[in-house]
C-alpha atoms as a PDB file:
ATOM      1  CA  MET A   1      12.666 149.912 146.812  1.00  0.00           C
ATOM      2  CA  SER A   2      13.763 151.523 149.692  1.00  0.00           C
ATOM      3  CA  GLN A   3      10.794 151.630 151.736  1.00  0.00           C
ATOM      4  CA  PRO A   4       8.331 148.285 152.828  1.00  0.00           C
ATOM      5  CA  PHE A   5       5.879 147.462 149.722  1.00  0.00           C
ATOM      6  CA  ALA A   6       2.530 147.914 152.186  1.00  0.00           C
ATOM      7  CA  ASP A   7       3.819 151.205 153.399  1.00  0.00           C
ATOM      8  CA  TRP A   8       4.523 152.162 149.648  1.00  0.00           C
ATOM      9  CA  LEU A   9       1.225 151.219 148.489  1.00  0.00           C
ATOM     10  CA  ARG A  10      -0.168 153.228 151.288  1.00  0.00           C
ATOM     11  CA  ALA A  11       1.355 155.954 150.813  1.00  0.00           C
ATOM     12  CA  GLN A  12      -0.003 155.688 146.708  1.00  0.00           C
ATOM     13  CA  ALA A  13      -3.576 155.375 147.980  1.00  0.00           C
ATOM     14  CA  ALA A  14      -3.118 158.464 150.946  1.00  0.00           C
ATOM     15  CA  PRO A  15      -5.335 160.776 149.214  1.00  0.00           C
ATOM     16  CA  LEU A  16      -8.226 158.132 149.152  1.00  0.00           C
ATOM     17  CA  TRP A  17      -7.447 157.007 152.617  1.00  0.00           C
ATOM     18  CA  GLU A  18      -8.084 160.466 154.370  1.00  0.00           C
ATOM     19  CA  GLN A  19     -11.174 161.240 152.411  1.00  0.00           C
ATOM     20  CA  ILE A  20     -12.423 157.837 153.763  1.00  0.00           C
ATOM     21  CA  PHE A  21     -11.212 158.925 157.292  1.00  0.00           C
ATOM     22  CA  ALA A  22     -13.119 162.619 157.065  1.00  0.00           C
ATOM     23  CA  HIS A  23     -16.145 160.539 155.953  1.00  0.00           C
ATOM     24  CA  PRO A  24     -19.442 162.120 157.357  1.00  0.00           C
ATOM     25  CA  PHE A  25     -20.682 158.606 158.200  1.00  0.00           C
ATOM     26  CA  LEU A  26     -17.420 158.181 160.750  1.00  0.00           C
ATOM     27  CA  ARG A  27     -18.035 161.938 162.184  1.00  0.00           C
ATOM     28  CA  ASP A  28     -21.405 161.258 162.497  1.00  0.00           C
ATOM     29  CA  LEU A  29     -20.934 157.914 164.214  1.00  0.00           C
ATOM     30  CA  ALA A  30     -17.875 159.418 166.590  1.00  0.00           C
ATOM     31  CA  ALA A  31     -20.591 162.189 167.610  1.00  0.00           C
ATOM     32  CA  GLY A  32     -23.337 160.104 168.466  1.00  0.00           C
ATOM     33  CA  THR A  33     -25.386 161.548 165.573  1.00  0.00           C
ATOM     34  CA  LEU A  34     -25.629 159.042 162.790  1.00  0.00           C
ATOM     35  CA  SER A  35     -28.903 157.305 162.441  1.00  0.00           C
ATOM     36  CA  ARG A  36     -29.876 153.700 163.790  1.00  0.00           C
ATOM     37  CA  ASP A  37     -31.177 153.214 160.285  1.00  0.00           C
ATOM     38  CA  ARG A  38     -28.218 153.913 158.490  1.00  0.00           C
ATOM     39  CA  PHE A  39     -26.289 152.010 160.904  1.00  0.00           C
ATOM     40  CA  ALA A  40     -28.561 148.933 160.180  1.00  0.00           C
ATOM     41  CA  PHE A  41     -28.117 149.572 156.505  1.00  0.00           C
ATOM     42  CA  PHE A  42     -24.230 149.595 156.856  1.00  0.00           C
ATOM     43  CA  LEU A  43     -24.329 146.284 158.796  1.00  0.00           C
ATOM     44  CA  GLU A  44     -26.552 144.666 156.699  1.00  0.00           C
ATOM     45  CA  GLN A  45     -24.246 145.510 153.628  1.00  0.00           C
ATOM     46  CA  ASP A  46     -21.031 144.503 155.621  1.00  0.00           C
ATOM     47  CA  TYR A  47     -22.195 141.521 156.562  1.00  0.00           C
ATOM     48  CA  TYR A  48     -22.809 140.712 153.025  1.00  0.00           C
ATOM     49  CA  TYR A  49     -19.792 142.197 152.029  1.00  0.00           C
ATOM     50  CA  LEU A  50     -17.674 139.841 154.818  1.00  0.00           C
ATOM     51  CA  GLU A  51     -19.152 136.447 153.659  1.00  0.00           C
ATOM     52  CA  ALA A  52     -17.457 137.476 149.938  1.00  0.00           C
ATOM     53  CA  PHE A  53     -14.072 138.496 151.646  1.00  0.00           C
ATOM     54  CA  GLY A  54     -14.200 134.889 153.325  1.00  0.00           C
ATOM     55  CA  ARG A  55     -14.933 133.534 150.133  1.00  0.00           C
ATOM     56  CA  ALA A  56     -12.073 134.913 148.334  1.00  0.00           C
ATOM     57  CA  LEU A  57      -9.311 133.913 151.136  1.00  0.00           C
ATOM     58  CA  ALA A  58     -10.501 130.675 150.669  1.00  0.00           C
ATOM     59  CA  ILE A  59     -10.082 130.498 146.872  1.00  0.00           C
ATOM     60  CA  GLY A  60      -6.497 132.429 147.476  1.00  0.00           C
ATOM     61  CA  LEU A  61      -5.678 129.886 149.937  1.00  0.00           C
ATOM     62  CA  ALA A  62      -4.969 127.418 147.063  1.00  0.00           C
ATOM     63  CA  LYS A  63      -2.531 129.969 145.397  1.00  0.00           C
ATOM     64  CA  ALA A  64      -0.894 130.770 148.435  1.00  0.00           C
ATOM     65  CA  PRO A  65       2.656 130.507 149.271  1.00  0.00           C
ATOM     66  CA  PRO A  66       3.009 127.388 151.478  1.00  0.00           C
ATOM     67  CA  PRO A  67       4.911 129.190 154.124  1.00  0.00           C
ATOM     68  CA  MET A  68       1.932 131.806 154.227  1.00  0.00           C
ATOM     69  CA  ARG A  69      -0.948 128.920 153.917  1.00  0.00           C
ATOM     70  CA  PRO A  70      -1.346 128.209 157.736  1.00  0.00           C
ATOM     71  CA  SER A  71      -1.836 132.024 158.818  1.00  0.00           C
ATOM     72  CA  VAL A  72      -4.255 132.159 155.625  1.00  0.00           C
ATOM     73  CA  ALA A  73      -6.257 129.122 156.944  1.00  0.00           C
ATOM     74  CA  ALA A  74      -6.362 130.806 160.457  1.00  0.00           C
ATOM     75  CA  GLY A  75      -7.831 133.548 159.266  1.00  0.00           C
ATOM     76  CA  LEU A  76     -10.600 131.474 157.381  1.00  0.00           C
ATOM     77  CA  ALA A  77     -11.214 129.291 160.940  1.00  0.00           C
ATOM     78  CA  VAL A  78     -11.816 132.028 162.846  1.00  0.00           C
ATOM     79  CA  PRO A  79     -14.112 134.318 161.306  1.00  0.00           C
ATOM     80  CA  ILE A  80     -14.359 137.491 164.181  1.00  0.00           C
ATOM     81  CA  GLU A  81     -16.215 139.933 162.107  1.00  0.00           C
ATOM     82  CA  ARG A  82     -19.385 138.829 161.410  1.00  0.00           C
ATOM     83  CA  PRO A  83     -20.173 137.478 165.101  1.00  0.00           C
ATOM     84  CA  HIS A  84     -19.625 141.364 166.178  1.00  0.00           C
ATOM     85  CA  HIS A  85     -21.782 142.595 163.454  1.00  0.00           C
ATOM     86  CA  ARG A  86     -24.606 139.749 164.930  1.00  0.00           C
ATOM     87  CA  ARG A  87     -24.283 141.236 168.035  1.00  0.00           C
ATOM     88  CA  LEU A  88     -24.781 144.690 167.225  1.00  0.00           C
ATOM     89  CA  ALA A  89     -27.800 144.082 165.140  1.00  0.00           C
ATOM     90  CA  GLU A  90     -28.680 142.035 168.159  1.00  0.00           C
ATOM     91  CA  ARG A  91     -28.054 145.219 169.847  1.00  0.00           C
ATOM     92  CA  ILE A  92     -30.201 147.584 167.797  1.00  0.00           C
ATOM     93  CA  GLY A  93     -33.007 145.096 167.029  1.00  0.00           C
ATOM     94  CA  LEU A  94     -32.162 144.278 163.705  1.00  0.00           C
ATOM     95  CA  SER A  95     -32.810 140.312 163.485  1.00  0.00           C
ATOM     96  CA  PRO A  96     -30.743 137.424 162.553  1.00  0.00           C
ATOM     97  CA  ASP A  97     -33.060 136.567 159.620  1.00  0.00           C
ATOM     98  CA  ARG A  98     -32.885 140.059 158.479  1.00  0.00           C
ATOM     99  CA  LEU A  99     -29.147 140.377 158.156  1.00  0.00           C
ATOM    100  CA  GLU A 100     -29.138 136.855 156.559  1.00  0.00           C
ATOM    101  CA  ALA A 101     -31.689 137.754 154.195  1.00  0.00           C
ATOM    102  CA  ALA A 102     -29.870 141.679 153.403  1.00  0.00           C
ATOM    103  CA  VAL A 103     -29.960 142.425 149.467  1.00  0.00           C
ATOM    104  CA  PRO A 104     -26.516 143.625 148.359  1.00  0.00           C
ATOM    105  CA  GLY A 105     -26.717 146.991 146.911  1.00  0.00           C
ATOM    106  CA  PRO A 106     -24.866 148.118 143.455  1.00  0.00           C
ATOM    107  CA  THR A 107     -21.521 149.123 145.619  1.00  0.00           C
ATOM    108  CA  THR A 108     -21.718 145.985 148.360  1.00  0.00           C
ATOM    109  CA  LEU A 109     -22.158 143.795 145.009  1.00  0.00           C
ATOM    110  CA  GLY A 110     -19.251 145.466 142.716  1.00  0.00           C
ATOM    111  CA  TYR A 111     -16.793 145.140 145.788  1.00  0.00           C
ATOM    112  CA  ALA A 112     -17.647 141.375 146.534  1.00  0.00           C
ATOM    113  CA  ASN A 113     -17.348 140.711 143.134  1.00  0.00           C
ATOM    114  CA  PHE A 114     -13.930 142.459 142.318  1.00  0.00           C
ATOM    115  CA  LEU A 115     -12.849 140.326 145.735  1.00  0.00           C
ATOM    116  CA  LEU A 116     -14.074 137.293 143.994  1.00  0.00           C
ATOM    117  CA  ALA A 117     -12.803 137.750 140.407  1.00  0.00           C
ATOM    118  CA  THR A 118      -9.376 138.931 141.828  1.00  0.00           C
ATOM    119  CA  ALA A 119      -8.990 135.712 143.838  1.00  0.00           C
ATOM    120  CA  CYS A 120      -9.881 133.300 140.690  1.00  0.00           C
ATOM    121  CA  LEU A 121      -8.068 135.510 137.972  1.00  0.00           C
ATOM    122  CA  GLY A 122      -4.858 137.115 139.998  1.00  0.00           C
ATOM    123  CA  SER A 123      -2.280 136.406 141.470  1.00  0.00           C
ATOM    124  CA  PHE A 124      -2.408 135.759 145.732  1.00  0.00           C
ATOM    125  CA  GLY A 125      -0.458 138.776 145.778  1.00  0.00           C
ATOM    126  CA  GLU A 126      -2.862 140.762 143.494  1.00  0.00           C
ATOM    127  CA  LEU A 127      -5.536 138.757 146.245  1.00  0.00           C
ATOM    128  CA  THR A 128      -3.760 140.139 149.193  1.00  0.00           C
ATOM    129  CA  ALA A 129      -3.389 143.733 147.951  1.00  0.00           C
ATOM    130  CA  ALA A 130      -7.210 143.841 147.093  1.00  0.00           C
ATOM    131  CA  LEU A 131      -7.942 142.527 150.611  1.00  0.00           C
ATOM    132  CA  LEU A 132      -5.372 144.887 152.735  1.00  0.00           C
ATOM    133  CA  PRO A 133      -7.267 148.418 152.279  1.00  0.00           C
ATOM    134  CA  CYS A 134     -10.636 146.598 154.229  1.00  0.00           C
ATOM    135  CA  THR A 135      -8.586 145.736 157.183  1.00  0.00           C
ATOM    136  CA  TRP A 136      -5.634 148.239 157.524  1.00  0.00           C
ATOM    137  CA  THR A 137      -8.193 150.871 156.757  1.00  0.00           C
ATOM    138  CA  TYR A 138     -10.473 149.503 159.750  1.00  0.00           C
ATOM    139  CA  ALA A 139      -7.552 149.084 161.969  1.00  0.00           C
ATOM    140  CA  GLU A 140      -6.654 152.850 161.530  1.00  0.00           C
ATOM    141  CA  ILE A 141     -10.228 153.763 162.009  1.00  0.00           C
ATOM    142  CA  GLY A 142     -10.444 151.969 165.520  1.00  0.00           C
ATOM    143  CA  VAL A 143      -7.280 153.928 166.496  1.00  0.00           C
ATOM    144  CA  ARG A 144      -8.827 157.399 165.444  1.00  0.00           C
ATOM    145  CA  LEU A 145     -11.821 156.867 167.292  1.00  0.00           C
ATOM    146  CA  ALA A 146     -10.601 155.675 170.517  1.00  0.00           C
ATOM    147  CA  GLY A 147     -12.209 157.676 173.265  1.00  0.00           C
ATOM    148  CA  ARG A 148     -14.079 159.778 171.085  1.00  0.00           C
ATOM    149  CA  VAL A 149     -17.322 157.489 170.684  1.00  0.00           C
ATOM    150  CA  ALA A 150     -19.890 158.607 173.142  1.00  0.00           C
ATOM    151  CA  ASP A 151     -22.635 156.078 172.035  1.00  0.00           C
ATOM    152  CA  THR A 152     -22.200 152.742 173.324  1.00  0.00           C
ATOM    153  CA  VAL A 153     -23.774 150.805 170.405  1.00  0.00           C
ATOM    154  CA  TYR A 154     -21.694 152.470 168.044  1.00  0.00           C
ATOM    155  CA  ARG A 155     -18.244 152.827 170.607  1.00  0.00           C
ATOM    156  CA  GLU A 156     -18.205 148.640 170.918  1.00  0.00           C
ATOM    157  CA  TRP A 157     -18.247 148.750 166.950  1.00  0.00           C
ATOM    158  CA  ALA A 158     -15.219 150.785 166.932  1.00  0.00           C
ATOM    159  CA  GLU A 159     -13.508 149.108 169.708  1.00  0.00           C
ATOM    160  CA  PHE A 160     -13.677 146.002 168.358  1.00  0.00           C
ATOM    161  CA  TYR A 161     -10.991 146.954 165.436  1.00  0.00           C
ATOM    162  CA  LEU A 162      -8.941 147.870 168.117  1.00  0.00           C
ATOM    163  CA  THR A 163      -8.891 144.336 170.018  1.00  0.00           C
ATOM    164  CA  SER A 164      -5.483 142.238 169.356  1.00  0.00           C
ATOM    165  CA  GLY A 165      -7.116 139.636 167.318  1.00  0.00           C
ATOM    166  CA  TYR A 166      -8.011 142.065 164.552  1.00  0.00           C
ATOM    167  CA  ALA A 167      -4.493 144.315 165.475  1.00  0.00           C
ATOM    168  CA  GLU A 168      -2.438 141.029 164.769  1.00  0.00           C
ATOM    169  CA  ARG A 169      -4.546 139.800 161.740  1.00  0.00           C
ATOM    170  CA  CYS A 170      -3.445 143.658 160.188  1.00  0.00           C
ATOM    171  CA  ARG A 171      -0.150 143.247 161.315  1.00  0.00           C
ATOM    172  CA  LEU A 172       0.310 139.690 159.380  1.00  0.00           C
ATOM    173  CA  ARG A 173      -1.386 140.725 156.597  1.00  0.00           C
ATOM    174  CA  ILE A 174       1.073 144.103 156.323  1.00  0.00           C
ATOM    175  CA  ALA A 175       3.672 141.587 156.781  1.00  0.00           C
ATOM    176  CA  GLN A 176       2.561 139.420 153.700  1.00  0.00           C
ATOM    177  CA  MET A 177       2.302 142.030 152.059  1.00  0.00           C
ATOM    178  CA  ASN A 178       5.673 143.042 152.150  1.00  0.00           C
ATOM    179  CA  ASP A 179       6.803 139.694 151.661  1.00  0.00           C
ATOM    180  CA  LEU A 180       4.966 138.930 148.253  1.00  0.00           C
ATOM    181  CA  GLY A 181       5.571 142.571 147.044  1.00  0.00           C
ATOM    182  CA  GLY A 182       9.590 142.192 147.880  1.00  0.00           C
ATOM    183  CA  ALA A 183       9.449 138.913 145.377  1.00  0.00           C
ATOM    184  CA  ALA A 184       7.536 140.530 142.798  1.00  0.00           C
ATOM    185  CA  GLY A 185       8.635 141.590 139.317  1.00  0.00           C
ATOM    186  CA  GLU A 186       7.691 145.352 138.222  1.00  0.00           C
ATOM    187  CA  ALA A 187       4.600 144.084 136.343  1.00  0.00           C
ATOM    188  CA  GLU A 188       3.172 142.007 138.966  1.00  0.00           C
ATOM    189  CA  ARG A 189       3.539 145.179 141.431  1.00  0.00           C
ATOM    190  CA  ARG A 190       1.673 147.210 139.490  1.00  0.00           C
ATOM    191  CA  ARG A 191      -0.996 144.870 139.323  1.00  0.00           C
ATOM    192  CA  MET A 192      -0.866 144.718 143.339  1.00  0.00           C
ATOM    193  CA  LEU A 193      -0.976 148.466 143.209  1.00  0.00           C
ATOM    194  CA  GLU A 194      -3.801 148.582 140.987  1.00  0.00           C
ATOM    195  CA  ALA A 195      -5.747 146.195 143.155  1.00  0.00           C
ATOM    196  CA  PHE A 196      -4.985 148.252 146.492  1.00  0.00           C
ATOM    197  CA  ILE A 197      -5.948 151.575 145.053  1.00  0.00           C
ATOM    198  CA  THR A 198      -9.433 149.480 143.255  1.00  0.00           C
ATOM    199  CA  ALA A 199     -10.538 148.549 146.711  1.00  0.00           C
ATOM    200  CA  SER A 200      -9.720 151.465 148.747  1.00  0.00           C
ATOM    201  CA  ARG A 201     -11.991 153.169 145.697  1.00  0.00           C
ATOM    202  CA  TYR A 202     -14.573 150.811 146.883  1.00  0.00           C
ATOM    203  CA  GLU A 203     -13.882 151.335 150.377  1.00  0.00           C
ATOM    204  CA  TYR A 204     -14.622 155.078 150.094  1.00  0.00           C
ATOM    205  CA  SER A 205     -17.568 153.994 148.092  1.00  0.00           C
ATOM    206  CA  PHE A 206     -18.994 151.754 150.723  1.00  0.00           C
ATOM    207  CA  TRP A 207     -18.811 154.409 153.423  1.00  0.00           C
ATOM    208  CA  GLN A 208     -20.724 156.825 150.965  1.00  0.00           C
ATOM    209  CA  MET A 209     -23.226 154.030 150.524  1.00  0.00           C
ATOM    210  CA  GLY A 210     -23.687 153.489 154.047  1.00  0.00           C
ATOM    211  CA  TYR A 211     -24.210 157.111 154.734  1.00  0.00           C
ATOM    212  CA  GLN A 212     -26.385 158.002 151.510  1.00  0.00           C
ATOM    213  CA  GLY A 213     -28.274 154.608 151.149  1.00  0.00           C
ATOM    214  CA  GLU A 214     -28.379 152.682 148.201  1.00  0.00           C
ATOM    215  CA  ALA A 215     -30.950 150.991 145.911  1.00  0.00           C
ATOM    216  CA  TRP A 216     -30.955 149.386 142.592  1.00  0.00           C
ATOM    217  CA  PRO A 217     -32.692 151.752 140.222  1.00  0.00           C
ATOM    218  CA  ALA A 218     -35.088 149.296 139.225  1.00  0.00           C
ATOM    219  CA  GLU A 219     -36.795 146.340 141.136  1.00  0.00           C
ATOM    220  CA  ARG A 220     -37.795 143.068 139.872  1.00  0.00           C
END
């Protein structure tokens, strides 16, 4: 393979990613017309999802190649996104109790369970491929929205993904993906691609859920 493996994965998912970057949720957020109710729902669901992301990474730590374990462990020790969500929730009047008690919708639960199942049943390479679209698309969203968001709350949300800590975490995961893909056999690379595409589909579905709202068809 002539190009870095992560770049190859990104190219395979390019049509999906372009739909993410053009999504009405992000368009309205940039314009300042996204309703606070939609943003609050998104924060609640993403807060739940981020816990599952961390749990999947913790499970993956045991499978990581020894040279990668310190960086994986560092990511677990410094959870940077959930505190950011708590600050934003406070700014829009969303109580910490409500954030913690949020019930995951079908898309959120499906995405979370996909990550956890991949962590438990797949290789560390598959898990890295499943986790990477979240980190990488948000880094690109931060760049694409830079200087375009007028609303102060939404600008604070977007600018977080431009911070040096987040950008460094993204670069590290891309480098890990390149190393893992370069060392993998053809069958393993196919499984990594499948995990990467599935996660990218969930990323799009998550924005769609945030924009349209989502509830279980039948409540207990």
